[in-house]
């Protein structure tokens, strides 16, 4: 699936990934390949980009939104710091 992470200042990440773990406002959830369409608000927490089954990249985010449609996840966040 394709993942794009955007902040007001820049594009933080864009590329093909295995999946992404996101901090929803009611708990952590994961989006993998061919996920059903969804829109969700995000809370403060850890965003984990699953580049492969064994390789990940982590960021701490302050909140935002995610949209999943046609095997593409678009994450809009206020800001992020690499962990």
N, C-alpha and C. Protein backbone atom coordinates (compact mmCIF):
# COMPACT_ATOMS: atom_id res chain seq x y z
N UNK A 1 0.83 -1.18 0.00
CA UNK A 1 0.00 0.00 0.00
C UNK A 1 0.87 1.24 0.00
N UNK A 2 0.29 2.34 -0.41
CA UNK A 2 1.01 3.60 -0.46
C UNK A 2 0.68 4.42 0.77
N UNK A 3 1.70 5.00 1.40
CA UNK A 3 1.51 5.84 2.58
C UNK A 3 2.06 7.22 2.32
N UNK A 4 1.29 8.24 2.69
CA UNK A 4 1.75 9.61 2.59
C UNK A 4 1.44 10.30 3.92
N UNK A 5 2.49 10.89 4.53
CA UNK A 5 2.33 11.59 5.80
C UNK A 5 2.68 13.05 5.57
N UNK A 6 1.71 13.93 5.87
CA UNK A 6 1.87 15.35 5.61
C UNK A 6 1.71 16.16 6.89
N UNK A 7 2.57 17.18 7.07
CA UNK A 7 2.43 18.17 8.13
C UNK A 7 2.18 19.51 7.45
N UNK A 8 1.80 20.53 8.19
CA UNK A 8 1.62 21.84 7.56
C UNK A 8 2.90 22.38 6.90
N UNK A 9 4.06 21.95 7.40
CA UNK A 9 5.33 22.45 6.88
C UNK A 9 5.89 21.65 5.71
N UNK A 10 5.70 20.32 5.72
CA UNK A 10 6.37 19.50 4.71
C UNK A 10 5.73 18.13 4.58
N UNK A 11 6.17 17.41 3.54
CA UNK A 11 5.80 16.00 3.37
C UNK A 11 6.82 15.20 4.17
N UNK A 12 6.36 14.51 5.21
CA UNK A 12 7.23 13.77 6.10
C UNK A 12 7.63 12.41 5.53
N UNK A 13 6.69 11.77 4.82
CA UNK A 13 6.98 10.45 4.25
C UNK A 13 6.06 10.20 3.07
N UNK A 14 6.59 9.54 2.05
CA UNK A 14 5.78 9.12 0.91
C UNK A 14 6.43 7.88 0.31
N UNK A 15 5.66 6.80 0.18
CA UNK A 15 6.21 5.59 -0.41
C UNK A 15 5.35 4.37 -0.15
N UNK A 16 5.80 3.24 -0.67
CA UNK A 16 5.11 1.97 -0.47
C UNK A 16 5.56 1.35 0.84
N UNK A 17 4.59 0.85 1.62
CA UNK A 17 4.88 0.27 2.91
C UNK A 17 4.08 -1.02 3.11
N UNK A 18 4.47 -1.78 4.12
CA UNK A 18 3.73 -2.98 4.51
C UNK A 18 2.45 -2.58 5.27
N UNK A 19 2.56 -1.52 6.09
CA UNK A 19 1.42 -1.05 6.87
C UNK A 19 1.81 0.13 7.73
N UNK A 20 0.86 0.59 8.54
CA UNK A 20 1.11 1.69 9.46
C UNK A 20 0.26 1.51 10.72
N UNK A 21 0.87 1.76 11.90
CA UNK A 21 0.16 1.72 13.16
C UNK A 21 -0.08 3.16 13.58
N UNK A 22 -1.32 3.47 13.99
CA UNK A 22 -1.72 4.84 14.28
C UNK A 22 -2.40 4.95 15.63
N UNK A 23 -2.19 6.08 16.33
CA UNK A 23 -2.86 6.30 17.63
C UNK A 23 -4.23 6.95 17.43
N UNK A 24 -5.27 6.16 17.32
CA UNK A 24 -6.62 6.70 17.21
C UNK A 24 -7.03 7.37 18.51
N UNK A 25 -8.10 8.13 18.49
CA UNK A 25 -8.52 8.82 19.71
C UNK A 25 -9.08 7.86 20.75
N UNK A 26 -9.48 6.65 20.32
CA UNK A 26 -9.96 5.65 21.28
C UNK A 26 -9.01 4.46 21.41
N UNK A 27 -7.84 4.53 20.80
CA UNK A 27 -6.87 3.45 20.92
C UNK A 27 -6.06 3.24 19.65
N UNK A 28 -5.05 2.43 19.77
CA UNK A 28 -4.13 2.14 18.67
C UNK A 28 -4.80 1.25 17.63
N UNK A 29 -4.56 1.51 16.34
CA UNK A 29 -5.05 0.62 15.29
C UNK A 29 -4.03 0.56 14.16
N UNK A 30 -4.17 -0.44 13.31
CA UNK A 30 -3.21 -0.71 12.25
C UNK A 30 -3.92 -0.80 10.91
N UNK A 31 -3.29 -0.24 9.89
CA UNK A 31 -3.81 -0.30 8.53
C UNK A 31 -2.80 -1.08 7.69
N UNK A 32 -3.27 -2.13 7.03
CA UNK A 32 -2.41 -2.96 6.19
C UNK A 32 -2.90 -2.90 4.75
N UNK A 33 -2.20 -3.62 3.88
CA UNK A 33 -2.52 -3.67 2.45
C UNK A 33 -3.99 -4.02 2.22
N UNK A 34 -4.64 -3.33 1.28
CA UNK A 34 -6.03 -3.56 0.88
C UNK A 34 -7.03 -3.37 2.01
N UNK A 35 -6.74 -2.44 2.92
CA UNK A 35 -7.65 -2.13 4.04
C UNK A 35 -8.93 -1.49 3.50
N UNK A 36 -10.02 -1.71 4.17
CA UNK A 36 -11.30 -1.08 3.80
C UNK A 36 -11.18 0.44 3.95
N UNK A 37 -11.94 1.19 3.16
CA UNK A 37 -11.90 2.66 3.27
C UNK A 37 -12.30 3.12 4.67
N UNK A 38 -11.61 4.15 5.16
CA UNK A 38 -11.95 4.70 6.47
C UNK A 38 -11.39 6.11 6.59
N UNK A 39 -12.00 6.87 7.50
CA UNK A 39 -11.50 8.18 7.91
C UNK A 39 -11.54 8.17 9.43
N UNK A 40 -10.44 8.59 10.08
CA UNK A 40 -10.38 8.56 11.54
C UNK A 40 -9.58 9.72 12.07
N UNK A 41 -9.98 10.21 13.23
CA UNK A 41 -9.20 11.22 13.94
C UNK A 41 -8.08 10.51 14.69
N UNK A 42 -6.96 11.19 14.83
CA UNK A 42 -5.81 10.64 15.55
C UNK A 42 -5.54 11.47 16.80
N UNK A 43 -5.08 10.79 17.84
CA UNK A 43 -4.71 11.46 19.08
C UNK A 43 -3.20 11.55 19.21
N UNK A 44 -2.75 12.00 20.38
CA UNK A 44 -1.31 12.03 20.66
C UNK A 44 -0.83 10.61 20.84
N UNK A 45 0.39 10.33 20.35
CA UNK A 45 0.93 9.00 20.53
C UNK A 45 1.99 8.65 19.50
N UNK A 46 2.22 7.36 19.36
CA UNK A 46 3.27 6.85 18.49
C UNK A 46 2.69 6.40 17.14
N UNK A 47 3.26 6.90 16.06
CA UNK A 47 2.92 6.47 14.71
C UNK A 47 4.08 5.60 14.23
N UNK A 48 3.77 4.37 13.84
CA UNK A 48 4.82 3.44 13.41
C UNK A 48 4.61 3.09 11.94
N UNK A 49 5.60 3.43 11.10
CA UNK A 49 5.57 3.07 9.69
C UNK A 49 6.20 1.69 9.56
N UNK A 50 5.44 0.73 9.08
CA UNK A 50 5.94 -0.63 8.88
C UNK A 50 6.43 -0.74 7.44
N UNK A 51 7.71 -0.45 7.23
CA UNK A 51 8.26 -0.47 5.88
C UNK A 51 8.27 -1.88 5.31
N UNK A 52 8.61 -2.86 6.13
CA UNK A 52 8.51 -4.28 5.81
C UNK A 52 8.00 -4.96 7.08
N UNK A 53 7.87 -6.28 7.05
CA UNK A 53 7.44 -6.99 8.26
C UNK A 53 8.45 -6.83 9.40
N UNK A 54 9.73 -6.58 9.07
CA UNK A 54 10.78 -6.52 10.09
C UNK A 54 11.42 -5.15 10.25
N UNK A 55 11.05 -4.17 9.45
CA UNK A 55 11.67 -2.85 9.50
C UNK A 55 10.60 -1.79 9.75
N UNK A 56 10.85 -0.95 10.78
CA UNK A 56 9.87 0.08 11.13
C UNK A 56 10.55 1.41 11.40
N UNK A 57 9.76 2.48 11.30
CA UNK A 57 10.21 3.84 11.58
C UNK A 57 9.16 4.46 12.48
N UNK A 58 9.57 5.09 13.60
CA UNK A 58 8.63 5.60 14.60
C UNK A 58 8.66 7.12 14.70
N UNK A 59 7.49 7.70 14.94
CA UNK A 59 7.34 9.13 15.17
C UNK A 59 6.35 9.35 16.32
N UNK A 60 6.57 10.38 17.09
CA UNK A 60 5.60 10.82 18.09
C UNK A 60 4.81 11.95 17.46
N UNK A 61 3.48 11.82 17.47
CA UNK A 61 2.64 12.84 16.83
C UNK A 61 1.73 13.50 17.88
N UNK A 62 1.21 14.66 17.52
CA UNK A 62 0.35 15.42 18.42
C UNK A 62 -1.14 15.30 18.08
N UNK A 63 -1.46 14.61 17.00
CA UNK A 63 -2.85 14.45 16.58
C UNK A 63 -3.03 14.79 15.12
N UNK A 64 -4.17 14.43 14.58
CA UNK A 64 -4.45 14.70 13.17
C UNK A 64 -5.55 13.80 12.66
N UNK A 65 -5.46 13.45 11.38
CA UNK A 65 -6.48 12.63 10.73
C UNK A 65 -5.82 11.67 9.75
N UNK A 66 -6.52 10.55 9.47
CA UNK A 66 -6.06 9.60 8.45
C UNK A 66 -7.24 9.26 7.55
N UNK A 67 -6.94 9.13 6.26
CA UNK A 67 -7.93 8.67 5.28
C UNK A 67 -7.31 7.49 4.55
N UNK A 68 -8.06 6.39 4.44
CA UNK A 68 -7.64 5.21 3.70
C UNK A 68 -8.63 5.02 2.56
N UNK A 69 -8.11 5.00 1.32
CA UNK A 69 -8.97 4.85 0.15
C UNK A 69 -8.13 4.31 -1.00
N UNK A 70 -8.63 3.29 -1.68
CA UNK A 70 -7.97 2.69 -2.85
C UNK A 70 -6.52 2.29 -2.57
N UNK A 71 -6.30 1.61 -1.44
CA UNK A 71 -4.99 1.10 -1.05
C UNK A 71 -3.96 2.21 -0.83
N UNK A 72 -4.42 3.41 -0.45
CA UNK A 72 -3.53 4.53 -0.12
C UNK A 72 -3.99 5.12 1.19
N UNK A 73 -3.05 5.28 2.13
CA UNK A 73 -3.33 5.92 3.41
C UNK A 73 -2.69 7.31 3.39
N UNK A 74 -3.51 8.33 3.65
CA UNK A 74 -3.02 9.70 3.74
C UNK A 74 -3.20 10.16 5.17
N UNK A 75 -2.08 10.52 5.81
CA UNK A 75 -2.09 10.94 7.21
C UNK A 75 -1.76 12.43 7.26
N UNK A 76 -2.66 13.20 7.86
CA UNK A 76 -2.46 14.64 8.04
C UNK A 76 -2.25 14.88 9.53
N UNK A 77 -1.08 15.40 9.91
CA UNK A 77 -0.76 15.57 11.32
C UNK A 77 -0.24 16.98 11.59
N UNK A 78 -0.42 17.41 12.85
CA UNK A 78 0.04 18.74 13.27
C UNK A 78 1.56 18.83 13.26
N UNK A 79 2.21 17.80 13.73
CA UNK A 79 3.67 17.79 13.78
C UNK A 79 4.14 16.43 14.24
N UNK A 80 5.42 16.15 14.02
CA UNK A 80 5.96 14.85 14.40
C UNK A 80 7.44 14.98 14.74
N UNK A 81 7.87 14.16 15.69
CA UNK A 81 9.28 14.06 16.03
C UNK A 81 9.71 12.61 15.90
N UNK A 82 10.84 12.40 15.26
CA UNK A 82 11.35 11.03 15.08
C UNK A 82 11.75 10.45 16.43
N UNK A 83 11.48 9.15 16.61
CA UNK A 83 11.83 8.47 17.87
C UNK A 83 12.98 7.54 17.60
